[in-house]
C-alpha atoms as a PDB file:
ATOM      1  CA  MET A   1      10.314  85.300 262.060  1.00  0.00           C
ATOM      2  CA  ASP A   2      11.876  84.698 258.659  1.00  0.00           C
ATOM      3  CA  ARG A   3       9.667  84.943 255.657  1.00  0.00           C
ATOM      4  CA  ALA A   4      10.311  82.898 252.572  1.00  0.00           C
ATOM      5  CA  ALA A   5      10.823  84.820 249.394  1.00  0.00           C
ATOM      6  CA  PRO A   6       7.743  84.788 247.208  1.00  0.00           C
ATOM      7  CA  ALA A   7       7.789  82.197 244.471  1.00  0.00           C
ATOM      8  CA  PRO A   8       8.601  83.660 241.068  1.00  0.00           C
ATOM      9  CA  VAL A   9       5.599  84.315 238.889  1.00  0.00           C
ATOM     10  CA  PRO A  10       5.786  82.147 235.790  1.00  0.00           C
ATOM     11  CA  ALA A  11       5.980  83.957 232.479  1.00  0.00           C
ATOM     12  CA  PRO A  12       2.782  83.821 230.491  1.00  0.00           C
ATOM     13  CA  GLU A  13       2.633  81.041 227.953  1.00  0.00           C
ATOM     14  CA  PRO A  14       3.264  82.265 224.425  1.00  0.00           C
ATOM     15  CA  SER A  15       0.107  82.160 222.381  1.00  0.00           C
ATOM     16  CA  ALA A  16      -0.103  79.481 219.765  1.00  0.00           C
ATOM     17  CA  ALA A  17      -0.805  82.027 217.070  1.00  0.00           C
ATOM     18  CA  ALA A  18       1.611  84.893 216.825  1.00  0.00           C
ATOM     19  CA  PRO A  19      -0.040  88.210 216.034  1.00  0.00           C
ATOM     20  CA  THR A  20      -0.259  88.724 212.324  1.00  0.00           C
ATOM     21  CA  ALA A  21       0.010  91.943 210.408  1.00  0.00           C
ATOM     22  CA  ALA A  22      -3.002  93.258 208.583  1.00  0.00           C
ATOM     23  CA  PRO A  23      -3.179  91.991 205.019  1.00  0.00           C
ATOM     24  CA  ARG A  24      -1.613  94.135 202.338  1.00  0.00           C
ATOM     25  CA  ARG A  25      -4.336  95.502 200.048  1.00  0.00           C
ATOM     26  CA  VAL A  26      -3.730  96.229 196.363  1.00  0.00           C
ATOM     27  CA  LEU A  27      -6.069  97.266 193.553  1.00  0.00           C
ATOM     28  CA  ILE A  28      -4.966  96.800 189.945  1.00  0.00           C
ATOM     29  CA  VAL A  29      -6.577  99.167 187.461  1.00  0.00           C
ATOM     30  CA  CYS A  30      -6.812  99.304 183.677  1.00  0.00           C
ATOM     31  CA  ALA A  31      -9.270 101.160 181.471  1.00  0.00           C
ATOM     32  CA  GLY A  32     -12.058  98.620 180.953  1.00  0.00           C
ATOM     33  CA  ASN A  33     -11.337  95.980 183.645  1.00  0.00           C
ATOM     34  CA  LEU A  34     -11.747  93.413 180.914  1.00  0.00           C
ATOM     35  CA  CYS A  35      -8.265  92.155 179.930  1.00  0.00           C
ATOM     36  CA  ARG A  36      -5.203  93.564 181.661  1.00  0.00           C
ATOM     37  CA  SER A  37      -6.300  94.220 185.246  1.00  0.00           C
ATOM     38  CA  PRO A  38      -8.309  90.979 185.616  1.00  0.00           C
ATOM     39  CA  MET A  39      -5.347  88.960 184.351  1.00  0.00           C
ATOM     40  CA  ALA A  40      -3.012  90.763 186.766  1.00  0.00           C
ATOM     41  CA  HIS A  41      -5.562  90.265 189.571  1.00  0.00           C
ATOM     42  CA  ALA A  42      -5.544  86.495 188.995  1.00  0.00           C
ATOM     43  CA  LEU A  43      -1.743  86.419 188.721  1.00  0.00           C
ATOM     44  CA  VAL A  44      -1.205  88.309 191.990  1.00  0.00           C
ATOM     45  CA  ARG A  45      -3.561  85.862 193.721  1.00  0.00           C
ATOM     46  CA  HIS A  46      -1.671  82.964 192.137  1.00  0.00           C
ATOM     47  CA  HIS A  47       1.787  84.209 193.137  1.00  0.00           C
ATOM     48  CA  ALA A  48       0.625  85.008 196.675  1.00  0.00           C
ATOM     49  CA  ALA A  49      -0.791  81.480 197.042  1.00  0.00           C
ATOM     50  CA  ARG A  50       2.411  79.919 195.679  1.00  0.00           C
ATOM     51  CA  ARG A  51       4.371  81.862 198.293  1.00  0.00           C
ATOM     52  CA  GLY A  52       2.028  80.705 201.080  1.00  0.00           C
ATOM     53  CA  ALA A  53       0.721  84.243 201.507  1.00  0.00           C
ATOM     54  CA  ALA A  54      -2.822  84.031 200.178  1.00  0.00           C
ATOM     55  CA  GLY A  55      -4.254  85.478 203.410  1.00  0.00           C
ATOM     56  CA  ARG A  56      -1.611  88.192 203.631  1.00  0.00           C
ATOM     57  CA  ILE A  57      -2.434  89.865 200.311  1.00  0.00           C
ATOM     58  CA  VAL A  58      -5.875  91.103 199.311  1.00  0.00           C
ATOM     59  CA  VAL A  59      -6.136  91.940 195.620  1.00  0.00           C
ATOM     60  CA  ASP A  60      -8.926  93.294 193.435  1.00  0.00           C
ATOM     61  CA  SER A  61      -9.154  94.859 190.006  1.00  0.00           C
ATOM     62  CA  ALA A  62     -11.197  97.659 188.488  1.00  0.00           C
ATOM     63  CA  GLY A  63     -11.394  99.923 185.476  1.00  0.00           C
ATOM     64  CA  THR A  64     -11.471 103.669 185.067  1.00  0.00           C
ATOM     65  CA  HIS A  65     -14.120 103.117 182.369  1.00  0.00           C
ATOM     66  CA  PRO A  66     -15.460  99.603 183.031  1.00  0.00           C
ATOM     67  CA  PHE A  67     -16.466  97.840 179.841  1.00  0.00           C
ATOM     68  CA  HIS A  68     -19.234  95.625 181.224  1.00  0.00           C
ATOM     69  CA  PRO A  69     -19.905  96.186 184.965  1.00  0.00           C
ATOM     70  CA  GLY A  70     -20.838  92.924 186.640  1.00  0.00           C
ATOM     71  CA  GLY A  71     -19.723  90.870 183.658  1.00  0.00           C
ATOM     72  CA  PRO A  72     -16.807  88.474 183.338  1.00  0.00           C
ATOM     73  CA  ALA A  73     -13.303  89.175 182.090  1.00  0.00           C
ATOM     74  CA  HIS A  74     -12.620  88.942 178.343  1.00  0.00           C
ATOM     75  CA  PRO A  75     -12.954  85.333 177.067  1.00  0.00           C
ATOM     76  CA  ASP A  76      -9.350  85.354 175.808  1.00  0.00           C
ATOM     77  CA  THR A  77      -8.107  86.534 179.223  1.00  0.00           C
ATOM     78  CA  LEU A  78      -9.944  83.631 180.825  1.00  0.00           C
ATOM     79  CA  ALA A  79      -8.633  81.189 178.212  1.00  0.00           C
ATOM     80  CA  VAL A  80      -4.988  82.216 178.717  1.00  0.00           C
ATOM     81  CA  LEU A  81      -5.340  81.986 182.490  1.00  0.00           C
ATOM     82  CA  ALA A  82      -6.930  78.517 182.176  1.00  0.00           C
ATOM     83  CA  HIS A  83      -4.169  77.407 179.794  1.00  0.00           C
ATOM     84  CA  HIS A  84      -1.601  78.257 182.492  1.00  0.00           C
ATOM     85  CA  GLY A  85      -3.650  76.709 185.309  1.00  0.00           C
ATOM     86  CA  ILE A  86      -4.392  80.061 186.955  1.00  0.00           C
ATOM     87  CA  ASP A  87      -7.662  80.335 188.887  1.00  0.00           C
ATOM     88  CA  ALA A  88      -9.903  83.027 187.401  1.00  0.00           C
ATOM     89  CA  ALA A  89     -12.807  82.598 189.830  1.00  0.00           C
ATOM     90  CA  GLY A  90     -14.474  85.795 190.943  1.00  0.00           C
ATOM     91  CA  LEU A  91     -13.062  88.098 188.280  1.00  0.00           C
ATOM     92  CA  THR A  92     -15.928  90.524 187.744  1.00  0.00           C
ATOM     93  CA  CYS A  93     -15.795  93.791 185.839  1.00  0.00           C
ATOM     94  CA  ARG A  94     -16.267  96.897 187.976  1.00  0.00           C
ATOM     95  CA  GLY A  95     -15.329 100.533 188.035  1.00  0.00           C
ATOM     96  CA  VAL A  96     -13.041 102.411 190.383  1.00  0.00           C
ATOM     97  CA  VAL A  97     -14.966 104.043 193.239  1.00  0.00           C
ATOM     98  CA  ALA A  98     -13.936 106.654 195.811  1.00  0.00           C
ATOM     99  CA  GLU A  99     -13.811 104.063 198.613  1.00  0.00           C
ATOM    100  CA  ASP A 100     -11.013 102.249 196.765  1.00  0.00           C
ATOM    101  CA  PHE A 101      -8.642 105.094 197.593  1.00  0.00           C
ATOM    102  CA  GLU A 102      -9.265 104.493 201.306  1.00  0.00           C
ATOM    103  CA  GLN A 103      -9.542 100.697 201.344  1.00  0.00           C
ATOM    104  CA  PHE A 104      -6.400  99.865 199.357  1.00  0.00           C
ATOM    105  CA  GLU A 105      -2.891 100.852 200.370  1.00  0.00           C
ATOM    106  CA  ARG A 106      -1.681 100.620 196.767  1.00  0.00           C
ATOM    107  CA  ILE A 107      -3.489 101.238 193.525  1.00  0.00           C
ATOM    108  CA  VAL A 108      -1.437  99.916 190.647  1.00  0.00           C
ATOM    109  CA  ALA A 109      -2.154 101.197 187.144  1.00  0.00           C
ATOM    110  CA  VAL A 110      -1.337  99.236 184.001  1.00  0.00           C
ATOM    111  CA  ASP A 111      -0.333 102.324 182.020  1.00  0.00           C
ATOM    112  CA  ARG A 112       0.383 106.021 182.327  1.00  0.00           C
ATOM    113  CA  PRO A 113      -3.004 107.243 181.011  1.00  0.00           C
ATOM    114  CA  VAL A 114      -4.774 105.168 183.696  1.00  0.00           C
ATOM    115  CA  LEU A 115      -2.313 106.442 186.319  1.00  0.00           C
ATOM    116  CA  ARG A 116      -3.110 110.058 185.321  1.00  0.00           C
ATOM    117  CA  ARG A 117      -6.860 109.375 185.648  1.00  0.00           C
ATOM    118  CA  LEU A 118      -6.324 107.878 189.099  1.00  0.00           C
ATOM    119  CA  ALA A 119      -4.118 110.784 190.209  1.00  0.00           C
ATOM    120  CA  ALA A 120      -6.956 113.196 189.369  1.00  0.00           C
ATOM    121  CA  TRP A 121      -9.253 111.699 192.031  1.00  0.00           C
ATOM    122  CA  PRO A 122      -9.689 113.990 195.054  1.00  0.00           C
ATOM    123  CA  GLN A 123      -8.905 112.901 198.606  1.00  0.00           C
ATOM    124  CA  ARG A 124      -6.891 109.807 197.853  1.00  0.00           C
ATOM    125  CA  ARG A 125      -4.740 108.054 200.437  1.00  0.00           C
ATOM    126  CA  ALA A 126      -3.605 105.062 198.415  1.00  0.00           C
ATOM    127  CA  ARG A 127      -0.132 104.955 196.913  1.00  0.00           C
ATOM    128  CA  LEU A 128      -0.370 105.132 193.103  1.00  0.00           C
ATOM    129  CA  GLU A 129       2.158 103.358 190.906  1.00  0.00           C
ATOM    130  CA  LEU A 130       2.699 101.550 187.612  1.00  0.00           C
ATOM    131  CA  LEU A 131       2.554  97.748 187.501  1.00  0.00           C
ATOM    132  CA  LEU A 132       5.466  97.229 185.135  1.00  0.00           C
ATOM    133  CA  HIS A 133       7.832  98.938 187.572  1.00  0.00           C
ATOM    134  CA  TYR A 134       7.782  95.563 189.369  1.00  0.00           C
ATOM    135  CA  GLY A 135       9.127  93.711 186.333  1.00  0.00           C
ATOM    136  CA  ALA A 136      12.265  93.865 184.248  1.00  0.00           C
ATOM    137  CA  SER A 137      10.688  94.515 180.837  1.00  0.00           C
ATOM    138  CA  GLY A 138      11.848  98.127 180.717  1.00  0.00           C
ATOM    139  CA  LEU A 139       8.340  99.119 179.634  1.00  0.00           C
ATOM    140  CA  GLU A 140       6.041 101.473 181.509  1.00  0.00           C
ATOM    141  CA  ASP A 141       2.746 100.708 179.802  1.00  0.00           C
ATOM    142  CA  VAL A 142       1.083  97.311 179.488  1.00  0.00           C
ATOM    143  CA  PRO A 143      -0.143  96.954 175.879  1.00  0.00           C
ATOM    144  CA  ASP A 144      -3.888  96.415 175.571  1.00  0.00           C
ATOM    145  CA  PRO A 145      -4.647  93.029 173.965  1.00  0.00           C
ATOM    146  CA  TYR A 146      -8.231  94.127 173.342  1.00  0.00           C
ATOM    147  CA  LEU A 147      -6.802  96.119 170.448  1.00  0.00           C
ATOM    148  CA  ASP A 148      -4.302  93.596 169.063  1.00  0.00           C
ATOM    149  CA  GLY A 149      -5.336  90.160 170.418  1.00  0.00           C
ATOM    150  CA  ARG A 150      -1.890  89.411 171.908  1.00  0.00           C
ATOM    151  CA  PHE A 151      -3.107  87.749 175.100  1.00  0.00           C
ATOM    152  CA  ALA A 152      -0.231  85.238 175.323  1.00  0.00           C
ATOM    153  CA  GLU A 153       2.322  88.068 175.271  1.00  0.00           C
ATOM    154  CA  LEU A 154       0.255  89.915 177.866  1.00  0.00           C
ATOM    155  CA  PHE A 155       0.426  86.897 180.160  1.00  0.00           C
ATOM    156  CA  ALA A 156       4.226  86.700 180.002  1.00  0.00           C
ATOM    157  CA  LEU A 157       4.608  90.426 180.696  1.00  0.00           C
ATOM    158  CA  LEU A 158       2.132  90.464 183.566  1.00  0.00           C
ATOM    159  CA  ASP A 159       3.352  87.217 185.135  1.00  0.00           C
ATOM    160  CA  GLU A 160       6.798  88.667 185.821  1.00  0.00           C
ATOM    161  CA  ALA A 161       5.486  92.032 187.051  1.00  0.00           C
ATOM    162  CA  CYS A 162       2.878  90.419 189.311  1.00  0.00           C
ATOM    163  CA  ALA A 163       5.502  88.131 190.874  1.00  0.00           C
ATOM    164  CA  GLY A 164       7.578  91.247 191.607  1.00  0.00           C
ATOM    165  CA  LEU A 165       4.547  93.026 193.053  1.00  0.00           C
ATOM    166  CA  VAL A 166       3.877  90.097 195.393  1.00  0.00           C
ATOM    167  CA  ASP A 167       7.524  90.179 196.501  1.00  0.00           C
ATOM    168  CA  ALA A 168       7.161  93.886 197.296  1.00  0.00           C
ATOM    169  CA  LEU A 169       3.886  93.353 199.153  1.00  0.00           C
ATOM    170  CA  LEU A 170       5.450  90.658 201.314  1.00  0.00           C
ATOM    171  CA  GLU A 171       8.161  93.020 202.510  1.00  0.00           C
ATOM    172  CA  PRO A 172       7.380  94.443 205.941  1.00  0.00           C
ATOM    173  CA  ALA A 173       5.055  97.418 205.786  1.00  0.00           C
ATOM    174  CA  PRO A 174       6.828 100.692 206.514  1.00  0.00           C
ATOM    175  CA  GLU A 175       6.361 101.962 210.035  1.00  0.00           C
ATOM    176  CA  PRO A 176       4.193 105.066 210.299  1.00  0.00           C
ATOM    177  CA  PRO A 177       6.202 108.209 211.076  1.00  0.00           C
ATOM    178  CA  ALA A 178       6.681 108.867 214.764  1.00  0.00           C
ATOM    179  CA  THR A 179       4.590 111.670 216.142  1.00  0.00           C
ATOM    180  CA  PRO A 180       6.607 114.364 217.864  1.00  0.00           C
ATOM    181  CA  SER A 181       6.112 114.466 221.626  1.00  0.00           C
ATOM    182  CA  SER A 182       4.705 117.651 223.050  1.00  0.00           C
END
């Protein structure tokens, strides 16, 4: 008695939603979390949204010595952002906490003194770097407009660097190193 070959099993239907990578998480830090880091925070959000990647990048800002915890960003920071049509909702002054070094893959400092303070924290996993390395200004340190009132110049400097940071965050995350087989 001849048996018919079994019917081929159909391939599973591809799911409508392809698996997505975990969002990239970045914390931007200045000294007081009043001017520079809140402006950069808003600009990273803005550039991510413009690139259609708002859900793929999680950004926050903090200060090593927060000026007014729980308070808003500097009024001139908010005014410059509004002038350029950048959403400043949710910018609240806070300090860096130990959990930040575990929750964020990158912690981006606005200047070298802030970077040194961050590097002194024990048990940190996050990658530490300078924000202006993502721009073409040739500078390392973001000037503090709290001291000189140059908020418009700050915007131009940060806008370019934050666009570069978003570009870097949208690159595929590096694969973790392979574990040697035993």
